[in-house]
Amino acid sequence: MTKILIVDDNEQEVRRPLVRQLGRVFGAECILEAANGMEAVDMLADPGVDRVGVIVLDVMMPVMDGIAACRAIRADPACEGVYIAMLTGRDGGLPEGLEVGADVYLRKPCDADELIAVVRKGLWEFEQRQALTARLSRVEAEKEQLQRANVYVDLPFGLQEPVSWVDVVDTSR
């Protein structure tokens, strides 16, 4: 089951309300939470934690802020394809989160319907990326199998020299 990770240091005013709202829509069992970026990065590195597909990440937090956490998450190959929605209460300037790899940037307080739509889109994109990665892995495995099987064989119908399977199926000759 794909999880949603909420990372915000303001437990009472931000994190708990987000956990409740998203838990009602996606199921409480799908929601994980962390109080800062370091907790989030540690949680994602823990092999006992189910795969996280979407992270709602505050920008300004103690210990490790959202920018540093986003950078660390994007550098971790195990987090490939995770959708990151950055949250901030700051105004002005180019959103730093997008520069370090966030997928979307939202201002706090954000509308509940908007956040739910962003998380829903993030889960869909994560699942699509996972499916594509699985398909690519299967194609690579098939390619390796075909390369190993591409040995020369003697054909019984009078050909003088051994040919590969490509020569057998090539009808242009």
Protein backbone atom coordinates (compact mmCIF):
# COMPACT_ATOMS: atom_id res chain seq x y z
CA MET A 1 0.00 0.00 0.00
CA THR A 2 1.43 3.37 -1.01
CA LYS A 3 1.85 5.82 1.87
CA ILE A 4 1.57 9.59 2.15
CA LEU A 5 4.13 11.31 4.39
CA ILE A 6 3.24 14.64 6.03
CA VAL A 7 6.31 16.57 7.23
CA ASP A 8 5.71 19.73 9.26
CA ASP A 9 7.04 20.96 12.60
CA ASN A 10 3.78 22.68 13.56
CA GLU A 11 1.91 19.68 14.92
CA GLN A 12 -1.22 21.39 16.25
CA GLU A 13 -2.00 23.90 13.52
CA VAL A 14 -0.71 22.15 10.40
CA ARG A 15 0.43 18.53 10.63
CA ARG A 16 -2.44 17.01 12.67
CA PRO A 17 -5.16 18.76 10.60
CA LEU A 18 -3.48 17.57 7.38
CA VAL A 19 -3.19 14.03 8.74
CA ARG A 20 -6.90 14.04 9.63
CA GLN A 21 -8.03 15.53 6.29
CA LEU A 22 -5.91 13.23 4.15
CA GLY A 23 -6.67 10.25 6.39
CA ARG A 24 -10.40 10.70 5.79
CA VAL A 25 -9.90 10.65 2.03
CA PHE A 26 -7.08 8.13 1.56
CA GLY A 27 -7.40 6.09 4.77
CA ALA A 28 -5.69 6.73 8.09
CA GLU A 29 -3.48 3.67 7.57
CA CYS A 30 -1.93 5.38 4.51
CA ILE A 31 -0.71 8.45 6.39
CA LEU A 32 2.72 8.77 7.99
CA GLU A 33 4.03 11.88 9.73
CA ALA A 34 7.34 13.47 10.68
CA ALA A 35 8.19 16.65 12.61
CA ASN A 36 11.17 17.72 10.49
CA GLY A 37 13.17 16.89 7.39
CA MET A 38 15.67 14.70 9.19
CA GLU A 39 12.89 12.52 10.63
CA ALA A 40 11.42 12.22 7.14
CA VAL A 41 14.74 11.27 5.51
CA ASP A 42 15.42 8.72 8.27
CA MET A 43 11.92 7.28 7.89
CA LEU A 44 12.33 6.92 4.12
CA ALA A 45 15.66 5.12 4.64
CA ASP A 46 14.08 2.62 7.04
CA PRO A 47 13.47 -0.66 5.16
CA GLY A 48 10.60 -1.46 7.55
CA VAL A 49 8.54 1.50 6.32
CA ASP A 50 6.13 0.82 3.46
CA ARG A 51 6.82 2.65 0.24
CA VAL A 52 5.98 6.33 0.30
CA GLY A 53 4.54 7.73 -2.92
CA VAL A 54 3.74 11.31 -1.90
CA ILE A 55 5.44 13.65 0.56
CA VAL A 56 3.81 16.87 1.75
CA LEU A 57 6.88 18.78 2.94
CA ASP A 58 7.03 22.08 4.81
CA VAL A 59 9.85 24.43 3.80
CA MET A 60 10.76 26.00 7.14
CA MET A 61 11.46 23.49 9.94
CA PRO A 62 14.10 22.97 12.64
CA VAL A 63 16.83 20.29 12.46
CA MET A 64 16.55 19.90 8.66
CA ASP A 65 14.42 22.23 6.59
CA GLY A 66 12.29 21.15 3.64
CA ILE A 67 14.79 22.35 1.02
CA ALA A 68 17.60 20.21 2.46
CA ALA A 69 15.20 17.29 2.94
CA CYS A 70 13.95 17.55 -0.65
CA ARG A 71 17.55 17.61 -1.90
CA ALA A 72 18.37 14.49 0.19
CA ILE A 73 15.25 12.65 -0.96
CA ARG A 74 15.95 13.38 -4.62
CA ALA A 75 19.54 12.15 -4.20
CA ASP A 76 18.36 8.80 -2.79
CA PRO A 77 17.81 6.21 -5.56
CA ALA A 78 15.41 4.31 -3.26
CA CYS A 79 13.07 7.33 -3.41
CA GLU A 80 12.95 7.42 -7.20
CA GLY A 81 9.59 8.67 -8.42
CA VAL A 82 8.31 9.98 -5.08
CA TYR A 83 6.01 12.98 -5.62
CA ILE A 84 6.93 15.95 -3.41
CA ALA A 85 4.51 18.79 -2.62
CA MET A 86 6.28 21.63 -0.82
CA LEU A 87 4.34 23.86 1.60
CA THR A 88 5.35 27.33 2.71
CA GLY A 89 3.91 30.33 4.48
CA ARG A 90 6.52 32.69 3.00
CA ASP A 91 5.74 35.20 0.27
CA GLY A 92 7.65 36.26 -2.80
CA GLY A 93 10.60 34.99 -4.79
CA LEU A 94 11.05 31.96 -6.98
CA PRO A 95 10.07 28.89 -4.99
CA GLU A 96 13.28 27.23 -3.86
CA GLY A 97 11.53 23.89 -3.58
CA LEU A 98 11.03 23.62 -7.32
CA GLU A 99 14.73 24.27 -7.85
CA VAL A 100 15.69 21.26 -5.72
CA GLY A 101 13.19 18.84 -7.23
CA ALA A 102 9.76 19.38 -5.71
CA ASP A 103 6.89 18.56 -8.05
CA VAL A 104 4.52 21.27 -6.82
CA TYR A 105 4.70 24.25 -4.49
CA LEU A 106 1.72 25.28 -2.33
CA ARG A 107 1.24 28.25 -0.02
CA LYS A 108 -0.04 27.77 3.54
CA PRO A 109 -2.74 27.74 4.53
CA CYS A 110 -3.73 25.70 1.51
CA ASP A 111 -7.26 24.81 0.56
CA ALA A 112 -8.14 21.24 1.64
CA ASP A 113 -9.67 20.38 -1.76
CA GLU A 114 -6.57 21.69 -3.53
CA LEU A 115 -4.26 19.63 -1.33
CA ILE A 116 -6.39 16.50 -1.79
CA ALA A 117 -6.29 17.01 -5.56
CA VAL A 118 -2.50 17.46 -5.47
CA VAL A 119 -2.03 14.32 -3.35
CA ARG A 120 -4.38 12.34 -5.61
CA LYS A 121 -2.40 13.49 -8.67
CA GLY A 122 0.86 12.67 -6.87
CA LEU A 123 -0.29 9.14 -6.05
CA TRP A 124 -1.39 8.63 -9.66
CA GLU A 125 1.97 9.88 -11.00
CA PHE A 126 3.88 7.74 -8.51
CA GLU A 127 1.94 4.62 -9.53
CA GLN A 128 2.48 5.43 -13.22
CA ARG A 129 6.24 5.81 -12.64
CA GLN A 130 6.34 2.55 -10.69
CA ALA A 131 4.48 0.72 -13.47
CA LEU A 132 6.81 2.17 -16.12
CA THR A 133 9.88 1.19 -14.10
CA ALA A 134 8.52 -2.36 -13.74
CA ARG A 135 7.84 -2.56 -17.49
CA LEU A 136 11.33 -1.27 -18.30
CA SER A 137 12.84 -3.86 -15.97
CA ARG A 138 10.91 -6.63 -17.73
CA VAL A 139 12.03 -5.35 -21.14
CA GLU A 140 15.67 -5.27 -19.97
CA ALA A 141 15.35 -8.83 -18.63
CA GLU A 142 13.84 -10.01 -21.92
CA LYS A 143 16.58 -8.23 -23.86
CA GLU A 144 19.26 -10.00 -21.80
CA GLN A 145 17.50 -13.33 -22.30
CA LEU A 146 17.37 -12.80 -26.05
CA GLN A 147 21.02 -11.79 -26.16
CA ARG A 148 21.97 -14.97 -24.26
CA ALA A 149 19.78 -17.02 -26.59
CA ASN A 150 21.26 -15.43 -29.69
CA VAL A 151 23.71 -18.23 -30.28
CA TYR A 152 24.53 -19.67 -33.61
CA VAL A 153 22.63 -22.81 -34.56
CA ASP A 154 22.87 -25.23 -37.45
CA LEU A 155 19.67 -25.34 -39.47
CA PRO A 156 18.58 -28.66 -40.97
CA PHE A 157 17.34 -27.25 -44.28
CA GLY A 158 20.58 -27.14 -46.18
CA LEU A 159 22.19 -23.87 -45.12
CA GLN A 160 25.97 -24.05 -45.38
CA GLU A 161 26.93 -21.94 -42.38
CA PRO A 162 25.41 -21.43 -38.94
CA VAL A 163 23.04 -18.49 -38.63
CA SER A 164 21.59 -16.53 -35.72
CA TRP A 165 17.88 -16.44 -34.94
CA VAL A 166 17.80 -12.93 -36.46
CA ASP A 167 18.84 -14.39 -39.83
CA VAL A 168 16.11 -17.04 -39.57
CA VAL A 169 13.30 -14.53 -39.02
CA ASP A 170 14.63 -11.92 -41.46
CA THR A 171 12.34 -12.29 -44.47
CA SER A 172 14.00 -9.56 -46.51
CA ARG A 173 16.75 -11.93 -47.78
